[in-house]
C-alpha atoms as a PDB file:
ATOM      1  CA  MET A   1       3.899 -12.438  13.272  1.00  0.00           C
ATOM      2  CA  THR A   2       6.571 -14.121  11.174  1.00  0.00           C
ATOM      3  CA  ARG A   3       7.912 -12.939   7.841  1.00  0.00           C
ATOM      4  CA  GLU A   4       6.124 -15.787   6.084  1.00  0.00           C
ATOM      5  CA  LYS A   5       2.796 -15.033   7.759  1.00  0.00           C
ATOM      6  CA  LEU A   6       3.088 -11.401   6.743  1.00  0.00           C
ATOM      7  CA  PHE A   7       3.779 -12.436   3.152  1.00  0.00           C
ATOM      8  CA  GLU A   8       0.774 -14.795   3.247  1.00  0.00           C
ATOM      9  CA  GLN A   9      -1.419 -11.843   4.237  1.00  0.00           C
ATOM     10  CA  ILE A  10      -0.017  -9.816   1.358  1.00  0.00           C
ATOM     11  CA  LEU A  11      -0.807 -12.592  -1.111  1.00  0.00           C
ATOM     12  CA  GLN A  12      -4.259 -13.217   0.332  1.00  0.00           C
ATOM     13  CA  LYS A  13      -5.335  -9.576   0.296  1.00  0.00           C
ATOM     14  CA  LYS A  14      -3.276  -8.601  -2.770  1.00  0.00           C
ATOM     15  CA  SER A  15      -2.173  -5.624  -0.734  1.00  0.00           C
ATOM     16  CA  TYR A  16       0.840  -4.310   1.114  1.00  0.00           C
ATOM     17  CA  LEU A  17      -1.036  -1.342   2.515  1.00  0.00           C
ATOM     18  CA  CYS A  18      -0.372  -0.066   6.023  1.00  0.00           C
ATOM     19  CA  VAL A  19      -3.008   2.338   7.341  1.00  0.00           C
ATOM     20  CA  GLY A  20      -1.589   4.982   9.655  1.00  0.00           C
ATOM     21  CA  LEU A  21      -3.862   5.733  12.601  1.00  0.00           C
ATOM     22  CA  ASP A  22      -2.615   9.293  13.173  1.00  0.00           C
ATOM     23  CA  THR A  23      -5.843  10.201  14.877  1.00  0.00           C
ATOM     24  CA  ASP A  24      -6.033  13.891  15.774  1.00  0.00           C
ATOM     25  CA  PRO A  25      -8.938  14.778  18.111  1.00  0.00           C
ATOM     26  CA  LYS A  26      -9.165  18.167  16.370  1.00  0.00           C
ATOM     27  CA  LYS A  27      -9.931  16.479  13.039  1.00  0.00           C
ATOM     28  CA  LEU A  28     -12.610  14.054  14.175  1.00  0.00           C
ATOM     29  CA  PRO A  29     -16.052  14.241  12.556  1.00  0.00           C
ATOM     30  CA  GLU A  30     -18.237  16.339  14.817  1.00  0.00           C
ATOM     31  CA  HIS A  31     -20.840  13.642  15.449  1.00  0.00           C
ATOM     32  CA  LEU A  32     -18.223  11.407  17.105  1.00  0.00           C
ATOM     33  CA  LEU A  33     -17.710  13.899  19.924  1.00  0.00           C
ATOM     34  CA  ASP A  34     -20.855  12.547  21.581  1.00  0.00           C
ATOM     35  CA  PHE A  35     -19.117   9.211  22.203  1.00  0.00           C
ATOM     36  CA  GLU A  36     -17.376   8.491  25.511  1.00  0.00           C
ATOM     37  CA  ASP A  37     -14.121   7.780  23.615  1.00  0.00           C
ATOM     38  CA  PRO A  38     -14.285   9.632  20.264  1.00  0.00           C
ATOM     39  CA  VAL A  39     -10.736   8.651  19.242  1.00  0.00           C
ATOM     40  CA  PHE A  40     -11.394   4.959  19.699  1.00  0.00           C
ATOM     41  CA  GLU A  41     -14.765   5.192  17.961  1.00  0.00           C
ATOM     42  CA  PHE A  42     -13.087   6.855  14.970  1.00  0.00           C
ATOM     43  CA  ASN A  43     -10.367   4.187  14.905  1.00  0.00           C
ATOM     44  CA  ARG A  44     -12.905   1.386  15.331  1.00  0.00           C
ATOM     45  CA  GLN A  45     -14.902   2.479  12.315  1.00  0.00           C
ATOM     46  CA  ILE A  46     -11.749   3.016  10.208  1.00  0.00           C
ATOM     47  CA  ILE A  47     -10.493  -0.470  11.120  1.00  0.00           C
ATOM     48  CA  ASP A  48     -13.845  -2.115  10.418  1.00  0.00           C
ATOM     49  CA  ALA A  49     -13.989  -0.384   7.031  1.00  0.00           C
ATOM     50  CA  THR A  50     -10.438  -1.212   5.907  1.00  0.00           C
ATOM     51  CA  ALA A  51      -9.304  -4.426   7.633  1.00  0.00           C
ATOM     52  CA  ASP A  52      -9.828  -6.575   4.542  1.00  0.00           C
ATOM     53  CA  LEU A  53      -7.794  -4.171   2.394  1.00  0.00           C
ATOM     54  CA  CYS A  54      -4.639  -3.681   4.464  1.00  0.00           C
ATOM     55  CA  VAL A  55      -2.043  -5.882   6.130  1.00  0.00           C
ATOM     56  CA  ALA A  56      -0.880  -3.469   8.838  1.00  0.00           C
ATOM     57  CA  TYR A  57      -2.006  -0.627  11.077  1.00  0.00           C
ATOM     58  CA  LYS A  58       0.414   1.975  12.419  1.00  0.00           C
ATOM     59  CA  PRO A  59      -0.752   4.216  15.241  1.00  0.00           C
ATOM     60  CA  ASN A  60       1.551   7.206  15.635  1.00  0.00           C
ATOM     61  CA  ILE A  61       2.070   7.120  19.399  1.00  0.00           C
ATOM     62  CA  ALA A  62       2.468  10.905  19.735  1.00  0.00           C
ATOM     63  CA  PHE A  63      -1.208  11.454  18.868  1.00  0.00           C
ATOM     64  CA  TYR A  64      -2.164   9.318  21.866  1.00  0.00           C
ATOM     65  CA  GLU A  65       0.527  10.413  24.318  1.00  0.00           C
ATOM     66  CA  ALA A  66      -0.503  14.039  23.813  1.00  0.00           C
ATOM     67  CA  GLN A  67      -3.904  13.259  25.301  1.00  0.00           C
ATOM     68  CA  GLY A  68      -2.507  11.933  28.566  1.00  0.00           C
ATOM     69  CA  PRO A  69      -4.002   8.871  30.301  1.00  0.00           C
ATOM     70  CA  LYS A  70      -7.164   8.858  28.183  1.00  0.00           C
ATOM     71  CA  GLY A  71      -5.004   8.685  25.053  1.00  0.00           C
ATOM     72  CA  TRP A  72      -3.335   5.516  26.282  1.00  0.00           C
ATOM     73  CA  VAL A  73      -6.762   4.022  26.964  1.00  0.00           C
ATOM     74  CA  SER A  74      -7.846   4.869  23.404  1.00  0.00           C
ATOM     75  CA  LEU A  75      -4.659   3.327  22.051  1.00  0.00           C
ATOM     76  CA  GLU A  76      -5.055   0.118  24.043  1.00  0.00           C
ATOM     77  CA  ARG A  77      -8.679  -0.241  22.949  1.00  0.00           C
ATOM     78  CA  THR A  78      -7.600   0.362  19.357  1.00  0.00           C
ATOM     79  CA  ILE A  79      -4.905  -2.333  19.459  1.00  0.00           C
ATOM     80  CA  ASN A  80      -7.324  -4.801  21.012  1.00  0.00           C
ATOM     81  CA  HIS A  81      -9.817  -4.142  18.214  1.00  0.00           C
ATOM     82  CA  ILE A  82      -7.392  -4.823  15.355  1.00  0.00           C
ATOM     83  CA  PRO A  83      -7.830  -8.372  13.996  1.00  0.00           C
ATOM     84  CA  GLN A  84      -5.094 -10.654  15.270  1.00  0.00           C
ATOM     85  CA  GLU A  85      -3.764 -11.564  11.821  1.00  0.00           C
ATOM     86  CA  ILE A  86      -3.019  -7.929  10.949  1.00  0.00           C
ATOM     87  CA  PHE A  87       0.478  -6.597  11.662  1.00  0.00           C
ATOM     88  CA  THR A  88       0.632  -3.763  14.208  1.00  0.00           C
ATOM     89  CA  ILE A  89       3.285  -1.066  14.350  1.00  0.00           C
ATOM     90  CA  ALA A  90       3.896   1.237  17.304  1.00  0.00           C
ATOM     91  CA  ASP A  91       5.262   4.296  15.540  1.00  0.00           C
ATOM     92  CA  ALA A  92       7.074   5.512  18.637  1.00  0.00           C
ATOM     93  CA  LYS A  93      10.595   6.242  17.292  1.00  0.00           C
ATOM     94  CA  ARG A  94      12.197   5.324  20.587  1.00  0.00           C
ATOM     95  CA  GLY A  95      15.958   5.230  21.062  1.00  0.00           C
ATOM     96  CA  ASP A  96      17.851   4.935  24.338  1.00  0.00           C
ATOM     97  CA  ILE A  97      20.249   2.556  26.049  1.00  0.00           C
ATOM     98  CA  GLY A  98      20.259  -0.201  28.657  1.00  0.00           C
ATOM     99  CA  ASN A  99      17.330  -0.540  31.009  1.00  0.00           C
ATOM    100  CA  THR A 100      15.472   2.312  29.308  1.00  0.00           C
ATOM    101  CA  SER A 101      15.292   0.449  25.995  1.00  0.00           C
ATOM    102  CA  GLU A 102      14.316  -2.724  27.833  1.00  0.00           C
ATOM    103  CA  LEU A 103      11.414  -0.875  29.429  1.00  0.00           C
ATOM    104  CA  TYR A 104      10.329   0.652  26.117  1.00  0.00           C
ATOM    105  CA  ALA A 105      10.381  -2.842  24.624  1.00  0.00           C
ATOM    106  CA  ARG A 106       8.304  -4.178  27.494  1.00  0.00           C
ATOM    107  CA  ALA A 107       5.813  -1.322  27.160  1.00  0.00           C
ATOM    108  CA  PHE A 108       5.095  -1.869  23.478  1.00  0.00           C
ATOM    109  CA  PHE A 109       5.649  -5.601  23.119  1.00  0.00           C
ATOM    110  CA  GLU A 110       4.280  -6.934  26.409  1.00  0.00           C
ATOM    111  CA  THR A 111       1.941  -4.339  27.905  1.00  0.00           C
ATOM    112  CA  MET A 112       0.484  -3.124  24.581  1.00  0.00           C
ATOM    113  CA  ASN A 113       1.202  -6.296  22.561  1.00  0.00           C
ATOM    114  CA  PHE A 114       2.315  -4.566  19.364  1.00  0.00           C
ATOM    115  CA  ASP A 115       4.045  -6.696  16.740  1.00  0.00           C
ATOM    116  CA  SER A 116       6.691  -4.037  16.085  1.00  0.00           C
ATOM    117  CA  VAL A 117       8.044  -0.670  17.118  1.00  0.00           C
ATOM    118  CA  THR A 118       9.950   2.024  15.249  1.00  0.00           C
ATOM    119  CA  VAL A 119      13.374   2.774  16.735  1.00  0.00           C
ATOM    120  CA  ALA A 120      15.943   5.492  16.059  1.00  0.00           C
ATOM    121  CA  PRO A 121      19.394   3.843  15.659  1.00  0.00           C
ATOM    122  CA  TYR A 122      21.536   6.936  16.317  1.00  0.00           C
ATOM    123  CA  MET A 123      22.764   5.710  19.732  1.00  0.00           C
ATOM    124  CA  GLY A 124      24.023   2.439  18.270  1.00  0.00           C
ATOM    125  CA  SER A 125      23.578  -1.280  18.808  1.00  0.00           C
ATOM    126  CA  ASP A 126      23.043  -1.243  22.586  1.00  0.00           C
ATOM    127  CA  SER A 127      20.028   1.031  22.091  1.00  0.00           C
ATOM    128  CA  VAL A 128      18.436  -1.412  19.616  1.00  0.00           C
ATOM    129  CA  LYS A 129      19.321  -4.904  20.830  1.00  0.00           C
ATOM    130  CA  PRO A 130      16.993  -4.853  23.879  1.00  0.00           C
ATOM    131  CA  PHE A 131      14.099  -4.676  21.383  1.00  0.00           C
ATOM    132  CA  LEU A 132      15.437  -7.692  19.477  1.00  0.00           C
ATOM    133  CA  VAL A 133      15.329 -10.195  22.339  1.00  0.00           C
ATOM    134  CA  GLN A 134      11.531 -10.371  22.285  1.00  0.00           C
ATOM    135  CA  GLY A 135      10.547 -13.510  20.386  1.00  0.00           C
ATOM    136  CA  GLY A 136       8.311 -12.961  17.367  1.00  0.00           C
ATOM    137  CA  LYS A 137       8.570  -9.175  17.554  1.00  0.00           C
ATOM    138  CA  TRP A 138      10.054  -6.738  15.054  1.00  0.00           C
ATOM    139  CA  VAL A 139      12.230  -3.632  15.197  1.00  0.00           C
ATOM    140  CA  ILE A 140      11.705  -1.071  12.446  1.00  0.00           C
ATOM    141  CA  LEU A 141      14.793   1.130  12.236  1.00  0.00           C
ATOM    142  CA  LEU A 142      14.763   4.627  10.816  1.00  0.00           C
ATOM    143  CA  ALA A 143      17.093   4.538   7.824  1.00  0.00           C
ATOM    144  CA  LEU A 144      16.221   7.081   5.146  1.00  0.00           C
ATOM    145  CA  THR A 145      13.284   9.275   6.053  1.00  0.00           C
ATOM    146  CA  SER A 146      11.088  11.493   3.886  1.00  0.00           C
ATOM    147  CA  ASN A 147      11.208  14.721   5.896  1.00  0.00           C
ATOM    148  CA  PRO A 148      13.223  17.737   4.641  1.00  0.00           C
ATOM    149  CA  GLY A 149      15.526  17.537   7.665  1.00  0.00           C
ATOM    150  CA  SER A 150      16.751  14.121   6.555  1.00  0.00           C
ATOM    151  CA  GLN A 151      19.339  16.041   4.559  1.00  0.00           C
ATOM    152  CA  ASP A 152      20.957  17.349   7.744  1.00  0.00           C
ATOM    153  CA  PHE A 153      22.600  14.085   8.828  1.00  0.00           C
ATOM    154  CA  GLN A 154      21.394  11.077   6.828  1.00  0.00           C
ATOM    155  CA  MET A 155      22.838  12.414   3.571  1.00  0.00           C
ATOM    156  CA  LEU A 156      26.293  13.203   4.940  1.00  0.00           C
ATOM    157  CA  ARG A 157      29.136  11.421   3.141  1.00  0.00           C
ATOM    158  CA  LEU A 158      31.396   9.125   5.142  1.00  0.00           C
ATOM    159  CA  ALA A 159      34.932  10.299   5.720  1.00  0.00           C
ATOM    160  CA  ASP A 160      36.527   7.056   4.534  1.00  0.00           C
ATOM    161  CA  GLY A 161      36.465   8.001   0.872  1.00  0.00           C
ATOM    162  CA  SER A 162      33.911   5.320  -0.019  1.00  0.00           C
ATOM    163  CA  GLU A 163      31.316   7.809  -1.298  1.00  0.00           C
ATOM    164  CA  GLU A 164      28.705   6.153   0.920  1.00  0.00           C
ATOM    165  CA  TYR A 165      26.110   8.172   2.784  1.00  0.00           C
ATOM    166  CA  LEU A 166      25.644   7.911   6.532  1.00  0.00           C
ATOM    167  CA  TRP A 167      22.286   6.168   6.038  1.00  0.00           C
ATOM    168  CA  GLU A 168      24.027   3.438   4.044  1.00  0.00           C
ATOM    169  CA  GLN A 169      26.402   2.778   6.911  1.00  0.00           C
ATOM    170  CA  VAL A 170      23.421   2.635   9.273  1.00  0.00           C
ATOM    171  CA  LEU A 171      21.847  -0.044   7.053  1.00  0.00           C
ATOM    172  CA  ARG A 172      25.074  -1.990   6.630  1.00  0.00           C
ATOM    173  CA  GLU A 173      25.981  -2.056  10.320  1.00  0.00           C
ATOM    174  CA  SER A 174      22.502  -2.534  11.773  1.00  0.00           C
ATOM    175  CA  SER A 175      21.719  -5.436   9.432  1.00  0.00           C
ATOM    176  CA  THR A 176      24.271  -7.462  11.426  1.00  0.00           C
ATOM    177  CA  TRP A 177      22.284  -6.986  14.654  1.00  0.00           C
ATOM    178  CA  GLY A 178      19.389  -9.237  13.659  1.00  0.00           C
ATOM    179  CA  THR A 179      17.824 -11.179  10.825  1.00  0.00           C
ATOM    180  CA  ALA A 180      15.436 -10.238   8.009  1.00  0.00           C
ATOM    181  CA  GLY A 181      12.767 -11.813  10.205  1.00  0.00           C
ATOM    182  CA  GLN A 182      13.431  -9.331  13.012  1.00  0.00           C
ATOM    183  CA  LEU A 183      14.437  -6.074  11.352  1.00  0.00           C
ATOM    184  CA  MET A 184      12.621  -3.755   8.986  1.00  0.00           C
ATOM    185  CA  TYR A 185      13.689  -0.312   7.802  1.00  0.00           C
ATOM    186  CA  VAL A 186      11.895   2.981   7.284  1.00  0.00           C
ATOM    187  CA  VAL A 187      12.601   4.331   3.798  1.00  0.00           C
ATOM    188  CA  GLY A 188      10.583   7.356   2.731  1.00  0.00           C
ATOM    189  CA  ALA A 189       8.716   7.227  -0.577  1.00  0.00           C
ATOM    190  CA  THR A 190      10.074  10.664  -1.448  1.00  0.00           C
ATOM    191  CA  GLN A 191      13.568   9.095  -1.437  1.00  0.00           C
ATOM    192  CA  ALA A 192      12.731   6.636  -4.225  1.00  0.00           C
ATOM    193  CA  GLU A 193      15.872   7.442  -6.217  1.00  0.00           C
ATOM    194  CA  TYR A 194      17.921   5.739  -3.473  1.00  0.00           C
ATOM    195  CA  VAL A 195      15.816   2.574  -3.135  1.00  0.00           C
ATOM    196  CA  GLN A 196      18.089   0.536  -5.406  1.00  0.00           C
ATOM    197  CA  ARG A 197      21.003   1.424  -3.148  1.00  0.00           C
ATOM    198  CA  VAL A 198      18.912   0.355  -0.149  1.00  0.00           C
ATOM    199  CA  ARG A 199      18.151  -2.986  -1.777  1.00  0.00           C
ATOM    200  CA  ALA A 200      21.825  -3.554  -2.579  1.00  0.00           C
ATOM    201  CA  ILE A 201      22.534  -3.541   1.176  1.00  0.00           C
ATOM    202  CA  VAL A 202      19.357  -5.154   2.574  1.00  0.00           C
ATOM    203  CA  PRO A 203      17.862  -7.204  -0.283  1.00  0.00           C
ATOM    204  CA  ASP A 204      15.689  -9.445   1.905  1.00  0.00           C
ATOM    205  CA  HIS A 205      14.350  -7.069   4.551  1.00  0.00           C
ATOM    206  CA  PHE A 206      10.912  -5.496   4.626  1.00  0.00           C
ATOM    207  CA  LEU A 207      10.817  -1.733   4.144  1.00  0.00           C
ATOM    208  CA  LEU A 208       8.186   0.424   5.816  1.00  0.00           C
ATOM    209  CA  VAL A 209       7.532   3.221   3.355  1.00  0.00           C
ATOM    210  CA  PRO A 210       5.796   6.416   4.468  1.00  0.00           C
ATOM    211  CA  GLY A 211       5.307   9.404   2.200  1.00  0.00           C
ATOM    212  CA  VAL A 212       2.874   7.978  -0.363  1.00  0.00           C
ATOM    213  CA  GLY A 213      -0.335   9.961  -0.728  1.00  0.00           C
ATOM    214  CA  ALA A 214      -0.472  13.303   1.069  1.00  0.00           C
ATOM    215  CA  GLN A 215       3.339  13.666   0.992  1.00  0.00           C
ATOM    216  CA  GLY A 216       3.522  13.071  -2.755  1.00  0.00           C
ATOM    217  CA  GLY A 217       5.580   9.870  -3.015  1.00  0.00           C
ATOM    218  CA  SER A 218       4.960   7.593  -6.001  1.00  0.00           C
ATOM    219  CA  LEU A 219       3.515   4.162  -5.222  1.00  0.00           C
ATOM    220  CA  GLU A 220       4.462   2.913  -8.694  1.00  0.00           C
ATOM    221  CA  GLU A 221       8.065   4.025  -8.366  1.00  0.00           C
ATOM    222  CA  ILE A 222       8.607   2.678  -4.864  1.00  0.00           C
ATOM    223  CA  SER A 223       6.966  -0.637  -5.849  1.00  0.00           C
ATOM    224  CA  ARG A 224       9.034  -1.043  -9.009  1.00  0.00           C
ATOM    225  CA  LEU A 225      12.309  -0.250  -7.294  1.00  0.00           C
ATOM    226  CA  GLY A 226      11.691  -1.666  -3.833  1.00  0.00           C
ATOM    227  CA  MET A 227       9.920  -5.010  -4.185  1.00  0.00           C
ATOM    228  CA  ASN A 228      11.702  -8.294  -3.657  1.00  0.00           C
ATOM    229  CA  GLN A 229      10.455 -11.877  -4.085  1.00  0.00           C
ATOM    230  CA  ARG A 230       8.538 -11.658  -0.806  1.00  0.00           C
ATOM    231  CA  CYS A 231       7.145  -8.232  -1.722  1.00  0.00           C
ATOM    232  CA  GLY A 232       9.297  -6.709   1.011  1.00  0.00           C
ATOM    233  CA  LEU A 233       7.222  -3.540   1.291  1.00  0.00           C
ATOM    234  CA  LEU A 234       4.698  -2.111   3.702  1.00  0.00           C
ATOM    235  CA  VAL A 235       3.518   1.171   2.204  1.00  0.00           C
ATOM    236  CA  ASN A 236       1.869   3.487   4.694  1.00  0.00           C
ATOM    237  CA  SER A 237      -0.924   5.920   3.988  1.00  0.00           C
ATOM    238  CA  SER A 238      -2.443   7.932   6.808  1.00  0.00           C
ATOM    239  CA  ARG A 239      -4.174  11.235   6.062  1.00  0.00           C
ATOM    240  CA  ALA A 240      -5.238  10.335   2.515  1.00  0.00           C
ATOM    241  CA  ILE A 241      -7.280   7.432   3.915  1.00  0.00           C
ATOM    242  CA  ILE A 242      -8.442   8.262   7.410  1.00  0.00           C
ATOM    243  CA  TYR A 243      -9.345  11.871   6.573  1.00  0.00           C
ATOM    244  CA  ALA A 244     -10.855  11.194   3.165  1.00  0.00           C
ATOM    245  CA  SER A 245     -14.030  12.734   4.593  1.00  0.00           C
ATOM    246  CA  SER A 246     -14.822  14.765   7.695  1.00  0.00           C
ATOM    247  CA  GLY A 247     -18.508  13.910   7.639  1.00  0.00           C
ATOM    248  CA  ARG A 248     -20.681  11.034   8.771  1.00  0.00           C
ATOM    249  CA  ASP A 249     -19.477   9.054   5.768  1.00  0.00           C
ATOM    250  CA  PHE A 250     -15.824   9.177   6.903  1.00  0.00           C
ATOM    251  CA  ALA A 251     -15.495   5.382   7.242  1.00  0.00           C
ATOM    252  CA  GLU A 252     -17.117   4.750   3.869  1.00  0.00           C
ATOM    253  CA  LYS A 253     -14.817   7.275   2.189  1.00  0.00           C
ATOM    254  CA  ALA A 254     -11.803   5.809   3.991  1.00  0.00           C
ATOM    255  CA  ARG A 255     -12.710   2.419   2.552  1.00  0.00           C
ATOM    256  CA  GLU A 256     -12.989   3.877  -0.949  1.00  0.00           C
ATOM    257  CA  ALA A 257      -9.562   5.507  -0.598  1.00  0.00           C
ATOM    258  CA  ALA A 258      -8.022   2.279   0.714  1.00  0.00           C
ATOM    259  CA  GLN A 259      -9.640   0.278  -2.110  1.00  0.00           C
ATOM    260  CA  GLU A 260      -8.101   2.591  -4.669  1.00  0.00           C
ATOM    261  CA  VAL A 261      -4.633   2.015  -3.204  1.00  0.00           C
ATOM    262  CA  GLN A 262      -5.190  -1.756  -2.872  1.00  0.00           C
ATOM    263  CA  ARG A 263      -6.237  -2.084  -6.522  1.00  0.00           C
ATOM    264  CA  GLU A 264      -3.102  -0.295  -7.638  1.00  0.00           C
ATOM    265  CA  MET A 265      -1.000  -2.502  -5.356  1.00  0.00           C
ATOM    266  CA  GLU A 266      -2.576  -5.619  -6.834  1.00  0.00           C
ATOM    267  CA  GLN A 267      -1.265  -4.604 -10.257  1.00  0.00           C
ATOM    268  CA  TYR A 268       2.278  -4.119  -8.971  1.00  0.00           C
ATOM    269  CA  LEU A 269       2.260  -7.417  -7.103  1.00  0.00           C
ATOM    270  CA  GLU A 270       1.316  -9.187 -10.333  1.00  0.00           C
ATOM    271  CA  GLN A 271       4.106  -7.370 -12.183  1.00  0.00           C
ATOM    272  CA  TYR A 272       6.974  -7.637  -9.710  1.00  0.00           C
ATOM    273  CA  VAL A 273       6.408 -10.611  -7.376  1.00  0.00           C
ATOM    274  CA  GLN A 274       7.235 -13.890  -9.097  1.00  0.00           C
ATOM    275  CA  HIS A 275       5.083 -16.025  -6.786  1.00  0.00           C
ATOM    276  CA  LEU A 276       1.973 -14.500  -8.339  1.00  0.00           C
END
């Protein structure tokens, strides 16, 4: 999945929506429990209902790991069911060095065949570069997250008197490790006031933006401040879409929720992306 192919999908679908498959067995509609693999059946119906409205799916790996071996089976079946032209993100937030990172890369890029994986950059370049040697694959680095604890470290000022935050140094340094066709960054929608500072450092990179929807981030604000000439955004929505209903109509309601987001995105693409 190249940068240009991803942009083509955005233009074709008039959407930069990423649907988060944070599938919790405790929240599944009751009628699905009769299936041999309720998690996959839930994901299958969500994917079938939303595939024409989104350009990416992002399973949060923790929801599958917590179920043990059967969770990995559900995850593999889910990935195999996603249409090939749709970008896939392993939201795994891995971060280690040497052979360990190489094995994580092999697990998600070769064994599971994801297009990308989220990586924590705290351990530095040698924890990230093993993910970058896989041709045609992407690394999505955590830069400025939307959780309250982001204030603990990300918002610390550097000691060099530059008035930069630690997250800005992470962006500046890590952007030298790969190209805009290999690296994306996680920037939380609840951190919209900093998006212009993000774009000053990484103007051409895609940003994966969680925090819109259930977490209260503004799609309009993040679109206005964060888009570049190739859109440059993948905006994730999980709970607001996949749990729009807990009944037998869950897939239908998920589609309605995704359509609402897509229609809003279409407006912003027309406003802010010159190619339209």
